[in-house]
Amino acid sequence: MTPFGERVRELRARKGVSLKEMATELEISSAYLSALEHGHKGVPSPMLLRQICTYFGLIWDEAEALERLAGLSDPRVVVDTAGLTPDHTLVANLLARRIARLTPDALAQLLDLLKTLLKD
């Protein structure tokens, strides 16, 4: 599941609607919505994102937060290190090879470190 999928699931639960009900209202297939939630599909289109925000009544900051989350939820990330240092390539490869084996504690530590180092 992606962070975006997790948030959509939370919003559905809060609204008390099933995946099938939401998909019907948005005029998309329930299979597609399920795949989107579970990270089997890429980032939703901007139009679908707007539909989802409207469906849940999200405006301003909440809508922007969901859009940012969608942008950070691509389940098939490609990291291009061409032209960067060998250390950049090493970090990308080590993470790619071991990400599935990170424990919840190690993942939390890594996320905290990245958030600290990559503040914009």
Protein backbone atom coordinates (compact mmCIF):
# COMPACT_ATOMS: atom_id res chain seq x y z
CA MET A 1 0.00 0.00 0.00
CA THR A 2 1.19 3.50 -0.76
CA PRO A 3 0.93 6.51 1.55
CA PHE A 4 -1.71 7.92 -0.84
CA GLY A 5 -3.64 4.63 -0.80
CA GLU A 6 -3.52 4.51 2.98
CA ARG A 7 -4.88 8.08 3.20
CA VAL A 8 -7.70 7.36 0.74
CA ARG A 9 -8.63 4.28 2.75
CA GLU A 10 -8.71 6.39 5.93
CA LEU A 11 -10.91 8.97 4.23
CA ARG A 12 -13.27 6.25 2.98
CA ALA A 13 -13.52 4.77 6.47
CA ARG A 14 -14.25 8.19 7.96
CA LYS A 15 -16.98 8.77 5.37
CA GLY A 16 -18.30 5.24 5.87
CA VAL A 17 -18.23 4.19 2.22
CA SER A 18 -16.96 1.05 0.61
CA LEU A 19 -14.39 0.95 -2.13
CA LYS A 20 -17.10 -0.13 -4.57
CA GLU A 21 -19.38 2.76 -3.59
CA MET A 22 -16.59 5.29 -4.01
CA ALA A 23 -15.54 3.83 -7.36
CA THR A 24 -19.13 3.99 -8.62
CA GLU A 25 -19.44 7.64 -7.56
CA LEU A 26 -16.15 8.51 -9.29
CA GLU A 27 -17.14 6.49 -12.37
CA ILE A 28 -14.03 4.33 -12.24
CA SER A 29 -13.75 0.60 -11.73
CA SER A 30 -13.47 -0.75 -8.21
CA ALA A 31 -10.55 -2.88 -9.44
CA TYR A 32 -8.67 0.26 -10.50
CA LEU A 33 -9.40 2.04 -7.21
CA SER A 34 -8.28 -1.03 -5.27
CA ALA A 35 -5.08 -1.28 -7.31
CA LEU A 36 -4.44 2.42 -6.75
CA GLU A 37 -4.88 2.04 -2.99
CA HIS A 38 -2.65 -1.03 -2.83
CA GLY A 39 0.15 0.46 -4.90
CA HIS A 40 -0.35 -1.71 -7.95
CA LYS A 41 -1.00 1.37 -10.09
CA GLY A 42 1.05 4.52 -10.39
CA VAL A 43 0.13 8.01 -9.30
CA PRO A 44 -3.44 9.01 -10.19
CA SER A 45 -4.02 11.63 -12.86
CA PRO A 46 -4.51 15.25 -11.79
CA MET A 47 -8.16 14.99 -12.87
CA LEU A 48 -8.78 11.92 -10.71
CA LEU A 49 -7.01 13.62 -7.80
CA ARG A 50 -9.39 16.58 -8.11
CA GLN A 51 -12.35 14.18 -8.25
CA ILE A 52 -11.16 12.43 -5.09
CA CYS A 53 -10.68 15.75 -3.27
CA THR A 54 -14.17 16.84 -4.30
CA TYR A 55 -15.63 13.48 -3.28
CA PHE A 56 -14.24 13.86 0.24
CA GLY A 57 -14.85 17.61 0.41
CA LEU A 58 -11.16 18.41 0.70
CA ILE A 59 -10.20 21.99 -0.01
CA TRP A 60 -7.12 24.18 0.28
CA ASP A 61 -4.51 22.69 2.61
CA GLU A 62 -6.14 19.25 2.82
CA ALA A 63 -6.40 18.97 -0.96
CA GLU A 64 -2.80 20.14 -1.42
CA ALA A 65 -1.62 17.64 1.21
CA LEU A 66 -3.37 14.77 -0.62
CA GLU A 67 -1.86 15.89 -3.94
CA ARG A 68 1.64 16.00 -2.39
CA LEU A 69 1.09 12.57 -0.88
CA ALA A 70 0.05 11.22 -4.28
CA GLY A 71 3.25 12.61 -5.78
CA LEU A 72 5.26 10.72 -3.16
CA SER A 73 3.39 7.45 -3.68
CA ASP A 74 4.67 6.12 -6.97
CA PRO A 75 5.29 2.43 -6.25
CA ARG A 76 7.77 2.08 -9.13
CA VAL A 77 10.42 4.67 -8.39
CA VAL A 78 13.35 5.06 -10.76
CA VAL A 79 16.51 6.69 -9.42
CA ASP A 80 18.80 7.98 -12.14
CA THR A 81 22.32 8.43 -10.77
CA ALA A 82 23.99 8.97 -14.15
CA GLY A 83 26.49 11.80 -13.80
CA LEU A 84 26.45 11.66 -10.00
CA THR A 85 29.15 10.31 -7.71
CA PRO A 86 29.78 6.61 -7.11
CA ASP A 87 28.41 7.10 -3.57
CA HIS A 88 25.09 8.33 -5.00
CA THR A 89 24.85 5.15 -7.09
CA LEU A 90 25.84 2.98 -4.13
CA VAL A 91 23.17 4.48 -1.88
CA ALA A 92 20.48 4.05 -4.55
CA ASN A 93 21.43 0.42 -5.18
CA LEU A 94 21.77 -0.55 -1.53
CA LEU A 95 18.36 0.89 -0.78
CA ALA A 96 16.75 -0.71 -3.84
CA ARG A 97 18.11 -4.15 -2.95
CA ARG A 98 17.23 -4.05 0.74
CA ILE A 99 14.12 -1.91 1.08
CA ALA A 100 11.76 -4.88 1.41
CA ARG A 101 13.84 -6.24 4.30
CA LEU A 102 13.88 -3.08 6.41
CA THR A 103 12.32 -3.62 9.81
CA PRO A 104 9.64 -1.16 10.93
CA ASP A 105 12.14 0.36 13.38
CA ALA A 106 14.87 0.72 10.77
CA LEU A 107 12.39 2.21 8.32
CA ALA A 108 11.21 4.76 10.91
CA GLN A 109 14.80 5.73 11.67
CA LEU A 110 15.62 6.11 7.98
CA LEU A 111 12.51 8.22 7.37
CA ASP A 112 13.36 10.49 10.30
CA LEU A 113 16.91 10.91 9.01
CA LEU A 114 15.76 11.67 5.46
CA LYS A 115 13.17 14.18 6.65
CA THR A 116 15.86 15.95 8.69
CA LEU A 117 18.43 15.95 5.91
CA LEU A 118 16.07 16.83 3.06
CA LYS A 119 14.10 19.70 4.56
CA ASP A 120 13.33 22.26 1.89
